Amino acid sequence: MSIFHLKPLHLLADEELMARAAADSDRAFEELYRRYARRLKGFFFLQLGGNEELAADATHDVFLRAYEARSRYEEGRSVSTWLFTIAYNLCRNHYRSNAYEAQLLATLDAEPISEQQIEVQLDEATLDEALAQVLAELPAPLHQLFSLHYQEELTIPQVAEIVGIPEGTVKSRLHKTMNIIRKKLKKYEK
């Protein structure tokens, strides 16, 4: 009996599963899929304009690429960071192919931000809806950073590794994103 069969798959750490997947264990890879597919699909849903079908296709593409690259997985690297790096790159490719990213980055600083001082008392659901709308209007690169850090709860170093930029740049872009969000939601303050 192999040492791989001593512990049930659902009890293994992601990195142990990846080691088994690299050794051609489809069951270990299926367990990784079970753990990450829903999170990745949610990430894609937010990043690709709320398109369920596109999110499902992109999620499939992540796992297809991960499966094909499983033997090249760097032992010790966080599996979640590796999968989200693949996901981030798929989003970047999608935006580039639509010439979307360049247009949004060029207009980021040119967009006037309305600072109407309207006092409105909102319940939590309405505020959540307003936040979702603001996030949908963010330029894709900023929305991705926000999602990776605040929604997927990845650390600044993990986000920096995923998007391939320095940690300081991640921090400054997240700060800029939070300022945009604050300004756009200012009308909802009491």
Protein backbone atom coordinates (compact mmCIF):
# COMPACT_ATOMS: atom_id res chain seq x y z
CA MET A 1 0.00 0.00 0.00
CA SER A 2 1.32 3.43 -0.96
CA ILE A 3 1.91 6.13 1.63
CA PHE A 4 -0.52 8.24 -0.39
CA HIS A 5 -3.40 6.13 0.88
CA LEU A 6 -2.77 6.54 4.61
CA LYS A 7 -4.85 9.70 5.06
CA PRO A 8 -8.26 10.48 3.47
CA LEU A 9 -8.03 13.16 0.77
CA HIS A 10 -10.39 15.58 2.48
CA LEU A 11 -7.99 15.75 5.46
CA LEU A 12 -4.91 16.63 3.39
CA ALA A 13 -3.52 20.13 3.02
CA ASP A 14 -3.76 21.71 -0.42
CA GLU A 15 -0.04 21.32 -0.99
CA GLU A 16 -0.20 17.59 -0.19
CA LEU A 17 -3.06 17.20 -2.65
CA MET A 18 -1.06 19.04 -5.29
CA ALA A 19 1.90 16.73 -4.71
CA ARG A 20 -0.39 13.75 -5.27
CA ALA A 21 -1.93 15.39 -8.33
CA ALA A 22 1.57 15.96 -9.72
CA ALA A 23 2.14 12.23 -9.24
CA ASP A 24 -0.92 11.62 -11.45
CA SER A 25 -3.60 11.23 -8.79
CA ASP A 26 -6.81 12.40 -10.45
CA ARG A 27 -8.69 11.94 -7.17
CA ALA A 28 -6.36 14.42 -5.42
CA PHE A 29 -6.91 16.91 -8.24
CA GLU A 30 -10.68 16.40 -7.98
CA GLU A 31 -10.47 17.26 -4.27
CA LEU A 32 -8.67 20.51 -5.14
CA TYR A 33 -11.41 21.22 -7.65
CA ARG A 34 -14.03 20.62 -4.98
CA ARG A 35 -12.25 23.04 -2.63
CA TYR A 36 -11.66 25.89 -5.08
CA ALA A 37 -14.16 25.76 -7.94
CA ARG A 38 -16.87 27.73 -6.17
CA ARG A 39 -14.48 30.47 -4.99
CA LEU A 40 -12.93 30.81 -8.42
CA LYS A 41 -16.31 30.90 -10.13
CA GLY A 42 -17.40 33.67 -7.74
CA PHE A 43 -14.21 35.59 -8.48
CA PHE A 44 -14.81 35.28 -12.23
CA PHE A 45 -18.48 36.19 -11.87
CA LEU A 46 -17.47 39.49 -10.24
CA GLN A 47 -14.60 40.17 -12.62
CA LEU A 48 -16.33 39.27 -15.88
CA GLY A 49 -19.42 41.40 -15.58
CA GLY A 50 -21.74 39.00 -13.76
CA ASN A 51 -21.85 36.59 -16.68
CA GLU A 52 -22.57 33.14 -15.20
CA GLU A 53 -21.62 31.22 -18.34
CA LEU A 54 -18.36 33.13 -18.82
CA ALA A 55 -17.52 32.58 -15.13
CA ALA A 56 -18.14 28.84 -15.46
CA ASP A 57 -16.01 28.64 -18.62
CA ALA A 58 -13.17 30.59 -17.00
CA THR A 59 -13.29 28.36 -13.91
CA HIS A 60 -13.05 25.32 -16.17
CA ASP A 61 -10.07 26.92 -17.96
CA VAL A 62 -8.24 27.49 -14.65
CA PHE A 63 -8.52 23.85 -13.70
CA LEU A 64 -7.65 22.66 -17.20
CA ARG A 65 -4.48 24.78 -17.13
CA ALA A 66 -3.67 23.69 -13.58
CA TYR A 67 -4.16 20.05 -14.52
CA GLU A 68 -1.91 20.38 -17.55
CA ALA A 69 0.74 22.15 -15.43
CA ARG A 70 0.42 19.95 -12.33
CA SER A 71 3.82 18.34 -12.86
CA ARG A 72 5.43 21.82 -12.95
CA TYR A 73 3.81 22.98 -9.69
CA GLU A 74 6.49 24.45 -7.40
CA GLU A 75 6.48 22.48 -4.17
CA GLY A 76 5.92 24.77 -1.18
CA ARG A 77 4.00 27.38 -3.17
CA SER A 78 0.50 28.14 -1.92
CA VAL A 79 -2.03 26.29 -4.07
CA SER A 80 -4.62 29.04 -3.63
CA THR A 81 -2.11 31.67 -4.78
CA TRP A 82 -1.16 29.50 -7.76
CA LEU A 83 -4.80 28.97 -8.81
CA PHE A 84 -5.71 32.65 -8.36
CA THR A 85 -2.62 33.64 -10.37
CA ILE A 86 -3.95 31.55 -13.23
CA ALA A 87 -7.41 33.11 -12.74
CA TYR A 88 -6.00 36.64 -12.65
CA ASN A 89 -4.07 36.04 -15.86
CA LEU A 90 -7.20 34.70 -17.57
CA CYS A 91 -9.05 37.89 -16.58
CA ARG A 92 -6.19 40.04 -17.87
CA ASN A 93 -6.26 38.18 -21.17
CA HIS A 94 -10.01 38.63 -21.37
CA TYR A 95 -9.75 42.38 -20.77
CA ARG A 96 -6.90 42.77 -23.21
CA SER A 97 -8.78 40.94 -25.89
CA ASN A 98 -11.65 43.34 -25.39
CA ALA A 99 -9.35 46.39 -25.21
CA TYR A 100 -11.09 47.10 -21.93
CA GLU A 101 -8.23 47.42 -19.46
CA ALA A 102 -6.31 50.09 -21.37
CA GLN A 103 -9.39 52.23 -21.85
CA LEU A 104 -10.33 52.07 -18.17
CA LEU A 105 -6.82 52.80 -16.92
CA ALA A 106 -6.57 55.78 -19.25
CA THR A 107 -9.84 57.24 -17.97
CA LEU A 108 -9.37 56.40 -14.28
CA ASP A 109 -8.00 59.77 -13.24
CA ALA A 110 -10.12 61.69 -15.73
CA GLU A 111 -13.47 60.50 -14.35
CA PRO A 112 -15.13 63.17 -12.22
CA ILE A 113 -16.49 61.86 -8.95
CA SER A 114 -19.79 63.30 -7.82
CA GLU A 115 -19.71 64.52 -4.22
CA GLN A 116 -23.38 65.21 -3.64
CA GLN A 117 -24.14 65.66 0.03
CA ILE A 118 -27.44 63.82 0.31
CA GLU A 119 -28.31 62.40 3.68
CA VAL A 120 -29.97 59.08 3.13
CA GLN A 121 -30.60 56.46 5.74
CA LEU A 122 -30.28 53.01 4.22
CA ASP A 123 -30.72 49.52 5.50
CA GLU A 124 -27.87 47.03 5.12
CA ALA A 125 -29.24 45.44 1.95
CA THR A 126 -29.43 48.78 0.17
CA LEU A 127 -25.89 49.67 1.17
CA ASP A 128 -24.67 46.27 -0.05
CA GLU A 129 -26.39 46.91 -3.36
CA ALA A 130 -24.79 50.36 -3.62
CA LEU A 131 -21.36 48.87 -2.86
CA ALA A 132 -21.87 46.16 -5.49
CA GLN A 133 -22.69 48.87 -8.04
CA VAL A 134 -19.57 50.88 -7.13
CA LEU A 135 -17.43 47.76 -7.41
CA ALA A 136 -18.93 46.98 -10.81
CA GLU A 137 -17.97 50.48 -11.99
CA LEU A 138 -14.35 50.20 -10.85
CA PRO A 139 -11.70 49.73 -13.50
CA ALA A 140 -11.00 46.02 -13.88
CA PRO A 141 -7.47 46.06 -12.40
CA LEU A 142 -8.68 47.83 -9.24
CA HIS A 143 -11.73 45.58 -8.96
CA GLN A 144 -9.49 42.53 -9.22
CA LEU A 145 -7.17 43.76 -6.48
CA PHE A 146 -10.16 44.56 -4.25
CA SER A 147 -11.68 41.13 -4.86
CA LEU A 148 -8.47 39.23 -4.28
CA HIS A 149 -7.66 41.07 -1.04
CA TYR A 150 -11.02 41.84 0.56
CA GLN A 151 -13.35 39.21 -0.85
CA GLU A 152 -10.99 36.27 -1.33
CA GLU A 153 -9.06 37.34 1.81
CA LEU A 154 -5.64 36.90 0.26
CA THR A 155 -2.71 38.73 1.84
CA ILE A 156 -0.93 41.67 0.19
CA PRO A 157 2.10 39.44 -0.62
CA GLN A 158 -0.18 36.81 -2.17
CA VAL A 159 -2.00 39.44 -4.25
CA ALA A 160 1.32 40.94 -5.36
CA GLU A 161 2.52 37.50 -6.46
CA ILE A 162 -0.73 36.79 -8.31
CA VAL A 163 -0.82 40.05 -10.26
CA GLY A 164 2.95 40.31 -10.68
CA ILE A 165 3.44 43.77 -9.18
CA PRO A 166 5.34 44.97 -6.08
CA GLU A 167 3.58 44.86 -2.70
CA GLY A 168 3.85 48.65 -2.41
CA THR A 169 1.98 49.05 -5.69
CA VAL A 170 -0.75 46.69 -4.47
CA LYS A 171 -1.07 48.75 -1.28
CA SER A 172 -1.25 52.07 -3.12
CA ARG A 173 -3.80 50.76 -5.62
CA LEU A 174 -5.93 49.31 -2.81
CA HIS A 175 -5.71 52.67 -1.04
CA LYS A 176 -6.81 54.44 -4.22
CA THR A 177 -9.65 51.91 -4.62
CA MET A 178 -10.85 52.50 -1.08
CA ASN A 179 -10.80 56.28 -1.66
CA ILE A 180 -12.92 55.86 -4.78
CA ILE A 181 -15.37 53.65 -2.88
CA ARG A 182 -15.55 56.11 0.04
CA LYS A 183 -16.23 59.04 -2.27
CA LYS A 184 -18.88 57.20 -4.23
CA LEU A 185 -20.62 55.99 -1.06
CA LYS A 186 -20.26 59.29 0.81
CA LYS A 187 -23.88 60.16 0.10
CA TYR A 188 -24.90 57.17 2.20
CA GLU A 189 -23.25 58.44 5.37
CA LYS A 190 -25.56 59.51 8.14
